[in-house]
Amino acid sequence: MTLQINDEDALKTLLELERRHYISILENSNTNSPSLPGSPMSQSEFEKLIAEAEQSPLITLNEAKEKWARQKERFQQSIR
């Protein structure tokens, strides 16, 4: 398990739990992945993902919002 702690108070809490021997913090990580949710991704897989994304067609933010609004409406109608 790899965690990224973004809050200093949260890190202090974890360090206090370790001091009290409730948890152990292991310094080593076996992954070579960027911080993304989901299963670990190697650097080369990440670079491939970015390259593919850069080749994808672009849409404006307004187009994306409209698309999601239509999808949301369809979904809401399907559950009624």
PDB file of N, CA and C in Angstrom:
ATOM      1  N   MET A   1       0.853  -1.166   0.000  1.00  0.00           N
ATOM      2  CA  MET A   1       0.000   0.000   0.000  1.00  0.00           C
ATOM      3  C   MET A   1       0.895   1.224   0.000  1.00  0.00           C
ATOM      4  N   THR A   2       0.583   2.151  -0.854  1.00  0.00           N
ATOM      5  CA  THR A   2       1.317   3.419  -0.923  1.00  0.00           C
ATOM      6  C   THR A   2       0.324   4.540  -0.700  1.00  0.00           C
ATOM      7  N   LEU A   3       0.656   5.435   0.201  1.00  0.00           N
ATOM      8  CA  LEU A   3      -0.203   6.581   0.492  1.00  0.00           C
ATOM      9  C   LEU A   3       0.552   7.858   0.199  1.00  0.00           C
ATOM     10  N   GLN A   4      -0.171   8.838  -0.278  1.00  0.00           N
ATOM     11  CA  GLN A   4       0.398  10.172  -0.428  1.00  0.00           C
ATOM     12  C   GLN A   4      -0.314  11.040   0.597  1.00  0.00           C
ATOM     13  N   ILE A   5       0.417  11.585   1.539  1.00  0.00           N
ATOM     14  CA  ILE A   5      -0.148  12.421   2.588  1.00  0.00           C
ATOM     15  C   ILE A   5       0.016  13.872   2.161  1.00  0.00           C
ATOM     16  N   ASN A   6      -1.113  14.574   1.996  1.00  0.00           N
ATOM     17  CA  ASN A   6      -1.092  15.956   1.513  1.00  0.00           C
ATOM     18  C   ASN A   6      -1.271  16.981   2.624  1.00  0.00           C
ATOM     19  N   ASP A   7      -1.508  16.529   3.820  1.00  0.00           N
ATOM     20  CA  ASP A   7      -1.793  17.440   4.914  1.00  0.00           C
ATOM     21  C   ASP A   7      -0.793  17.192   6.040  1.00  0.00           C
ATOM     22  N   GLU A   8      -0.149  18.234   6.496  1.00  0.00           N
ATOM     23  CA  GLU A   8       0.880  18.096   7.528  1.00  0.00           C
ATOM     24  C   GLU A   8       0.309  17.548   8.826  1.00  0.00           C
ATOM     25  N   ASP A   9      -0.899  17.959   9.202  1.00  0.00           N
ATOM     26  CA  ASP A   9      -1.519  17.444  10.429  1.00  0.00           C
ATOM     27  C   ASP A   9      -1.810  15.949  10.319  1.00  0.00           C
ATOM     28  N   ALA A  10      -2.222  15.503   9.129  1.00  0.00           N
ATOM     29  CA  ALA A  10      -2.473  14.075   8.925  1.00  0.00           C
ATOM     30  C   ALA A  10      -1.175  13.291   9.081  1.00  0.00           C
ATOM     31  N   LEU A  11      -0.078  13.824   8.548  1.00  0.00           N
ATOM     32  CA  LEU A  11       1.211  13.161   8.684  1.00  0.00           C
ATOM     33  C   LEU A  11       1.626  13.098  10.150  1.00  0.00           C
ATOM     34  N   LYS A  12       1.432  14.173  10.883  1.00  0.00           N
ATOM     35  CA  LYS A  12       1.758  14.185  12.314  1.00  0.00           C
ATOM     36  C   LYS A  12       0.953  13.126  13.049  1.00  0.00           C
ATOM     37  N   THR A  13      -0.325  12.970  12.695  1.00  0.00           N
ATOM     38  CA  THR A  13      -1.173  11.958  13.323  1.00  0.00           C
ATOM     39  C   THR A  13      -0.634  10.562  13.059  1.00  0.00           C
ATOM     40  N   LEU A  14      -0.241  10.307  11.812  1.00  0.00           N
ATOM     41  CA  LEU A  14       0.320   8.994  11.484  1.00  0.00           C
ATOM     42  C   LEU A  14       1.630   8.745  12.225  1.00  0.00           C
ATOM     43  N   LEU A  15       2.471   9.751  12.310  1.00  0.00           N
ATOM     44  CA  LEU A  15       3.730   9.598  13.035  1.00  0.00           C
ATOM     45  C   LEU A  15       3.484   9.338  14.521  1.00  0.00           C
ATOM     46  N   GLU A  16       2.464   9.958  15.080  1.00  0.00           N
ATOM     47  CA  GLU A  16       2.113   9.713  16.483  1.00  0.00           C
ATOM     48  C   GLU A  16       1.616   8.280  16.671  1.00  0.00           C
ATOM     49  N   LEU A  17       0.815   7.783  15.722  1.00  0.00           N
ATOM     50  CA  LEU A  17       0.356   6.389  15.797  1.00  0.00           C
ATOM     51  C   LEU A  17       1.532   5.418  15.718  1.00  0.00           C
ATOM     52  N   GLU A  18       2.514   5.757  14.905  1.00  0.00           N
ATOM     53  CA  GLU A  18       3.702   4.919  14.815  1.00  0.00           C
ATOM     54  C   GLU A  18       4.494   4.975  16.121  1.00  0.00           C
ATOM     55  N   ARG A  19       4.607   6.157  16.704  1.00  0.00           N
ATOM     56  CA  ARG A  19       5.338   6.305  17.971  1.00  0.00           C
ATOM     57  C   ARG A  19       4.706   5.451  19.061  1.00  0.00           C
ATOM     58  N   ARG A  20       3.377   5.328  19.029  1.00  0.00           N
ATOM     59  CA  ARG A  20       2.662   4.532  20.032  1.00  0.00           C
ATOM     60  C   ARG A  20       2.602   3.044  19.667  1.00  0.00           C
ATOM     61  N   HIS A  21       3.251   2.692  18.561  1.00  0.00           N
ATOM     62  CA  HIS A  21       3.326   1.305  18.087  1.00  0.00           C
ATOM     63  C   HIS A  21       1.972   0.747  17.651  1.00  0.00           C
ATOM     64  N   TYR A  22       1.062   1.606  17.215  1.00  0.00           N
ATOM     65  CA  TYR A  22      -0.211   1.141  16.654  1.00  0.00           C
ATOM     66  C   TYR A  22      -0.050   0.773  15.180  1.00  0.00           C
ATOM     67  N   ILE A  23       0.852   1.460  14.495  1.00  0.00           N
ATOM     68  CA  ILE A  23       1.133   1.187  13.086  1.00  0.00           C
ATOM     69  C   ILE A  23       2.636   1.223  12.880  1.00  0.00           C
ATOM     70  N   SER A  24       3.073   0.716  11.732  1.00  0.00           N
ATOM     71  CA  SER A  24       4.475   0.828  11.322  1.00  0.00           C
ATOM     72  C   SER A  24       4.487   1.496   9.958  1.00  0.00           C
ATOM     73  N   ILE A  25       5.322   2.482   9.810  1.00  0.00           N
ATOM     74  CA  ILE A  25       5.463   3.169   8.532  1.00  0.00           C
ATOM     75  C   ILE A  25       6.692   2.596   7.844  1.00  0.00           C
ATOM     76  N   LEU A  26       6.478   2.008   6.667  1.00  0.00           N
ATOM     77  CA  LEU A  26       7.564   1.435   5.885  1.00  0.00           C
ATOM     78  C   LEU A  26       8.012   2.476   4.877  1.00  0.00           C
ATOM     79  N   GLU A  27       9.269   2.746   4.846  1.00  0.00           N
ATOM     80  CA  GLU A  27       9.802   3.805   3.996  1.00  0.00           C
ATOM     81  C   GLU A  27       9.864   3.412   2.527  1.00  0.00           C
ATOM     82  N   ASN A  28       9.965   2.126   2.214  1.00  0.00           N
ATOM     83  CA  ASN A  28      10.177   1.690   0.842  1.00  0.00           C
ATOM     84  C   ASN A  28       8.859   1.477   0.114  1.00  0.00           C
ATOM     85  N   SER A  29       8.865   1.787  -1.157  1.00  0.00           N
ATOM     86  CA  SER A  29       7.722   1.547  -2.026  1.00  0.00           C
ATOM     87  C   SER A  29       8.192   0.722  -3.211  1.00  0.00           C
ATOM     88  N   ASN A  30       7.403  -0.284  -3.586  1.00  0.00           N
ATOM     89  CA  ASN A  30       7.790  -1.159  -4.686  1.00  0.00           C
ATOM     90  C   ASN A  30       7.275  -0.685  -6.029  1.00  0.00           C
ATOM     91  N   THR A  31       6.652   0.466  -6.077  1.00  0.00           N
ATOM     92  CA  THR A  31       6.075   0.920  -7.341  1.00  0.00           C
ATOM     93  C   THR A  31       6.927   2.016  -7.954  1.00  0.00           C
ATOM     94  N   ASN A  32       6.860   2.107  -9.256  1.00  0.00           N
ATOM     95  CA  ASN A  32       7.540   3.159 -10.001  1.00  0.00           C
ATOM     96  C   ASN A  32       6.466   3.954 -10.750  1.00  0.00           C
ATOM     97  N   SER A  33       5.397   4.287 -10.050  1.00  0.00           N
ATOM     98  CA  SER A  33       4.264   4.903 -10.736  1.00  0.00           C
ATOM     99  C   SER A  33       4.004   6.309 -10.224  1.00  0.00           C
ATOM    100  N   PRO A  34       3.403   7.134 -11.071  1.00  0.00           N
ATOM    101  CA  PRO A  34       2.965   8.448 -10.614  1.00  0.00           C
ATOM    102  C   PRO A  34       1.775   8.286  -9.678  1.00  0.00           C
ATOM    103  N   SER A  35       1.412   9.317  -9.009  1.00  0.00           N
ATOM    104  CA  SER A  35       0.328   9.242  -8.036  1.00  0.00           C
ATOM    105  C   SER A  35      -1.019   9.301  -8.743  1.00  0.00           C
ATOM    106  N   LEU A  36      -1.542   8.135  -9.084  1.00  0.00           N
ATOM    107  CA  LEU A  36      -2.839   8.012  -9.739  1.00  0.00           C
ATOM    108  C   LEU A  36      -3.666   6.969  -9.002  1.00  0.00           C
ATOM    109  N   PRO A  37      -4.983   7.140  -8.975  1.00  0.00           N
ATOM    110  CA  PRO A  37      -5.800   6.092  -8.371  1.00  0.00           C
ATOM    111  C   PRO A  37      -5.779   4.849  -9.249  1.00  0.00           C
ATOM    112  N   GLY A  38      -6.015   3.697  -8.647  1.00  0.00           N
ATOM    113  CA  GLY A  38      -6.060   2.452  -9.404  1.00  0.00           C
ATOM    114  C   GLY A  38      -4.796   1.650  -9.203  1.00  0.00           C
ATOM    115  N   SER A  39      -4.639   0.644 -10.038  1.00  0.00           N
ATOM    116  CA  SER A  39      -3.477  -0.222  -9.896  1.00  0.00           C
ATOM    117  C   SER A  39      -2.209   0.501 -10.327  1.00  0.00           C
ATOM    118  N   PRO A  40      -1.067   0.056  -9.817  1.00  0.00           N
ATOM    119  CA  PRO A  40       0.197   0.713 -10.134  1.00  0.00           C
ATOM    120  C   PRO A  40       0.455   0.754 -11.631  1.00  0.00           C
ATOM    121  N   MET A  41       1.106   1.822 -12.072  1.00  0.00           N
ATOM    122  CA  MET A  41       1.403   2.027 -13.479  1.00  0.00           C
ATOM    123  C   MET A  41       2.884   2.376 -13.578  1.00  0.00           C
ATOM    124  N   SER A  42       3.573   1.693 -14.481  1.00  0.00           N
ATOM    125  CA  SER A  42       4.998   1.991 -14.659  1.00  0.00           C
ATOM    126  C   SER A  42       5.154   3.336 -15.367  1.00  0.00           C
ATOM    127  N   GLN A  43       6.351   3.862 -15.308  1.00  0.00           N
ATOM    128  CA  GLN A  43       6.631   5.148 -15.967  1.00  0.00           C
ATOM    129  C   GLN A  43       6.376   5.042 -17.464  1.00  0.00           C
ATOM    130  N   SER A  44       6.781   3.922 -18.079  1.00  0.00           N
ATOM    131  CA  SER A  44       6.579   3.782 -19.529  1.00  0.00           C
ATOM    132  C   SER A  44       5.091   3.668 -19.871  1.00  0.00           C
ATOM    133  N   GLU A  45       4.309   2.992 -19.035  1.00  0.00           N
ATOM    134  CA  GLU A  45       2.862   2.920 -19.270  1.00  0.00           C
ATOM    135  C   GLU A  45       2.233   4.306 -19.157  1.00  0.00           C
ATOM    136  N   PHE A  46       2.696   5.091 -18.186  1.00  0.00           N
ATOM    137  CA  PHE A  46       2.187   6.444 -17.999  1.00  0.00           C
ATOM    138  C   PHE A  46       2.515   7.317 -19.217  1.00  0.00           C
ATOM    139  N   GLU A  47       3.747   7.205 -19.695  1.00  0.00           N
ATOM    140  CA  GLU A  47       4.158   7.980 -20.867  1.00  0.00           C
ATOM    141  C   GLU A  47       3.319   7.589 -22.090  1.00  0.00           C
ATOM    142  N   LYS A  48       3.017   6.301 -22.240  1.00  0.00           N
ATOM    143  CA  LYS A  48       2.178   5.841 -23.345  1.00  0.00           C
ATOM    144  C   LYS A  48       0.765   6.422 -23.220  1.00  0.00           C
ATOM    145  N   LEU A  49       0.223   6.426 -21.993  1.00  0.00           N
ATOM    146  CA  LEU A  49      -1.106   6.986 -21.744  1.00  0.00           C
ATOM    147  C   LEU A  49      -1.154   8.462 -22.142  1.00  0.00           C
ATOM    148  N   ILE A  50      -0.133   9.216 -21.772  1.00  0.00           N
ATOM    149  CA  ILE A  50      -0.071  10.636 -22.102  1.00  0.00           C
ATOM    150  C   ILE A  50       0.034  10.828 -23.613  1.00  0.00           C
ATOM    151  N   ALA A  51       0.887  10.030 -24.265  1.00  0.00           N
ATOM    152  CA  ALA A  51       1.045  10.149 -25.722  1.00  0.00           C
ATOM    153  C   ALA A  51      -0.277   9.870 -26.426  1.00  0.00           C
ATOM    154  N   GLU A  52      -1.004   8.854 -25.988  1.00  0.00           N
ATOM    155  CA  GLU A  52      -2.302   8.541 -26.589  1.00  0.00           C
ATOM    156  C   GLU A  52      -3.303   9.664 -26.338  1.00  0.00           C
ATOM    157  N   ALA A  53      -3.286  10.219 -25.139  1.00  0.00           N
ATOM    158  CA  ALA A  53      -4.207  11.313 -24.814  1.00  0.00           C
ATOM    159  C   ALA A  53      -3.918  12.546 -25.666  1.00  0.00           C
ATOM    160  N   GLU A  54      -2.646  12.798 -25.934  1.00  0.00           N
ATOM    161  CA  GLU A  54      -2.285  13.955 -26.748  1.00  0.00           C
ATOM    162  C   GLU A  54      -2.748  13.803 -28.193  1.00  0.00           C
ATOM    163  N   GLN A  55      -2.967  12.573 -28.639  1.00  0.00           N
ATOM    164  CA  GLN A  55      -3.437  12.327 -30.002  1.00  0.00           C
ATOM    165  C   GLN A  55      -4.963  12.305 -30.094  1.00  0.00           C
ATOM    166  N   SER A  56      -5.636  12.335 -28.970  1.00  0.00           N
ATOM    167  CA  SER A  56      -7.101  12.296 -28.952  1.00  0.00           C
ATOM    168  C   SER A  56      -7.676  13.614 -29.446  1.00  0.00           C
ATOM    169  N   PRO A  57      -8.879  13.558 -30.024  1.00  0.00           N
ATOM    170  CA  PRO A  57      -9.513  14.810 -30.453  1.00  0.00           C
ATOM    171  C   PRO A  57      -9.833  15.698 -29.245  1.00  0.00           C
ATOM    172  N   LEU A  58      -9.762  16.989 -29.454  1.00  0.00           N
ATOM    173  CA  LEU A  58     -10.026  17.944 -28.382  1.00  0.00           C
ATOM    174  C   LEU A  58     -11.445  18.473 -28.480  1.00  0.00           C
ATOM    175  N   ILE A  59     -12.042  18.780 -27.326  1.00  0.00           N
ATOM    176  CA  ILE A  59     -13.333  19.462 -27.297  1.00  0.00           C
ATOM    177  C   ILE A  59     -13.217  20.603 -26.295  1.00  0.00           C
ATOM    178  N   THR A  60     -14.086  21.587 -26.454  1.00  0.00           N
ATOM    179  CA  THR A  60     -14.050  22.724 -25.534  1.00  0.00           C
ATOM    180  C   THR A  60     -14.691  22.326 -24.210  1.00  0.00           C
ATOM    181  N   LEU A  61     -14.436  23.119 -23.199  1.00  0.00           N
ATOM    182  CA  LEU A  61     -15.042  22.871 -21.892  1.00  0.00           C
ATOM    183  C   LEU A  61     -16.559  22.934 -21.986  1.00  0.00           C
ATOM    184  N   ASN A  62     -17.077  23.883 -22.752  1.00  0.00           N
ATOM    185  CA  ASN A  62     -18.531  23.983 -22.920  1.00  0.00           C
ATOM    186  C   ASN A  62     -19.102  22.738 -23.589  1.00  0.00           C
ATOM    187  N   GLU A  63     -18.398  22.219 -24.600  1.00  0.00           N
ATOM    188  CA  GLU A  63     -18.862  20.994 -25.257  1.00  0.00           C
ATOM    189  C   GLU A  63     -18.878  19.822 -24.276  1.00  0.00           C
ATOM    190  N   ALA A  64     -17.851  19.734 -23.457  1.00  0.00           N
ATOM    191  CA  ALA A  64     -17.788  18.656 -22.470  1.00  0.00           C
ATOM    192  C   ALA A  64     -18.931  18.779 -21.459  1.00  0.00           C
ATOM    193  N   LYS A  65     -19.194  19.994 -20.996  1.00  0.00           N
ATOM    194  CA  LYS A  65     -20.295  20.199 -20.038  1.00  0.00           C
ATOM    195  C   LYS A  65     -21.634  19.815 -20.658  1.00  0.00           C
ATOM    196  N   GLU A  66     -21.836  20.189 -21.914  1.00  0.00           N
ATOM    197  CA  GLU A  66     -23.081  19.844 -22.603  1.00  0.00           C
ATOM    198  C   GLU A  66     -23.218  18.327 -22.747  1.00  0.00           C
ATOM    199  N   LYS A  67     -22.129  17.670 -23.105  1.00  0.00           N
ATOM    200  CA  LYS A  67     -22.149  16.219 -23.273  1.00  0.00           C
ATOM    201  C   LYS A  67     -22.512  15.537 -21.955  1.00  0.00           C
ATOM    202  N   TRP A  68     -21.886  15.966 -20.856  1.00  0.00           N
ATOM    203  CA  TRP A  68     -22.171  15.364 -19.558  1.00  0.00           C
ATOM    204  C   TRP A  68     -23.595  15.679 -19.108  1.00  0.00           C
ATOM    205  N   ALA A  69     -24.095  16.855 -19.426  1.00  0.00           N
ATOM    206  CA  ALA A  69     -25.481  17.198 -19.078  1.00  0.00           C
ATOM    207  C   ALA A  69     -26.450  16.267 -19.795  1.00  0.00           C
ATOM    208  N   ARG A  70     -26.186  15.991 -21.084  1.00  0.00           N
ATOM    209  CA  ARG A  70     -27.042  15.060 -21.838  1.00  0.00           C
ATOM    210  C   ARG A  70     -26.960  13.655 -21.244  1.00  0.00           C
ATOM    211  N   GLN A  71     -25.762  13.217 -20.909  1.00  0.00           N
ATOM    212  CA  GLN A  71     -25.587  11.893 -20.320  1.00  0.00           C
ATOM    213  C   GLN A  71     -26.306  11.801 -18.970  1.00  0.00           C
ATOM    214  N   LYS A  72     -26.202  12.845 -18.176  1.00  0.00           N
ATOM    215  CA  LYS A  72     -26.864  12.871 -16.865  1.00  0.00           C
ATOM    216  C   LYS A  72     -28.375  12.772 -17.041  1.00  0.00           C
ATOM    217  N   GLU A  73     -28.918  13.518 -18.000  1.00  0.00           N
ATOM    218  CA  GLU A  73     -30.357  13.496 -18.255  1.00  0.00           C
ATOM    219  C   GLU A  73     -30.801  12.106 -18.696  1.00  0.00           C
ATOM    220  N   ARG A  74     -30.044  11.480 -19.596  1.00  0.00           N
ATOM    221  CA  ARG A  74     -30.372  10.117 -20.041  1.00  0.00           C
ATOM    222  C   ARG A  74     -30.350   9.140 -18.867  1.00  0.00           C
ATOM    223  N   PHE A  75     -29.339   9.264 -18.035  1.00  0.00           N
ATOM    224  CA  PHE A  75     -29.233   8.381 -16.883  1.00  0.00           C
ATOM    225  C   PHE A  75     -30.413   8.571 -15.939  1.00  0.00           C
ATOM    226  N   GLN A  76     -30.755   9.816 -15.643  1.00  0.00           N
ATOM    227  CA  GLN A  76     -31.867  10.088 -14.733  1.00  0.00           C
ATOM    228  C   GLN A  76     -33.179   9.558 -15.300  1.00  0.00           C
ATOM    229  N   GLN A  77     -33.356   9.664 -16.618  1.00  0.00           N
ATOM    230  CA  GLN A  77     -34.580   9.140 -17.238  1.00  0.00           C
ATOM    231  C   GLN A  77     -34.612   7.616 -17.168  1.00  0.00           C
ATOM    232  N   SER A  78     -33.486   6.982 -17.261  1.00  0.00           N
ATOM    233  CA  SER A  78     -33.435   5.519 -17.252  1.00  0.00           C
ATOM    234  C   SER A  78     -33.734   4.937 -15.864  1.00  0.00           C
ATOM    235  N   ILE A  79     -33.528   5.720 -14.804  1.00  0.00           N
ATOM    236  CA  ILE A  79     -33.781   5.183 -13.464  1.00  0.00           C
ATOM    237  C   ILE A  79     -35.144   5.577 -12.925  1.00  0.00           C
ATOM    238  N   ARG A  80     -35.934   6.314 -13.701  1.00  0.00           N
ATOM    239  CA  ARG A  80     -37.266   6.714 -13.258  1.00  0.00           C
ATOM    240  C   ARG A  80     -38.260   5.642 -13.497  1.00  0.00           C
TER     241      ARG A  80
END
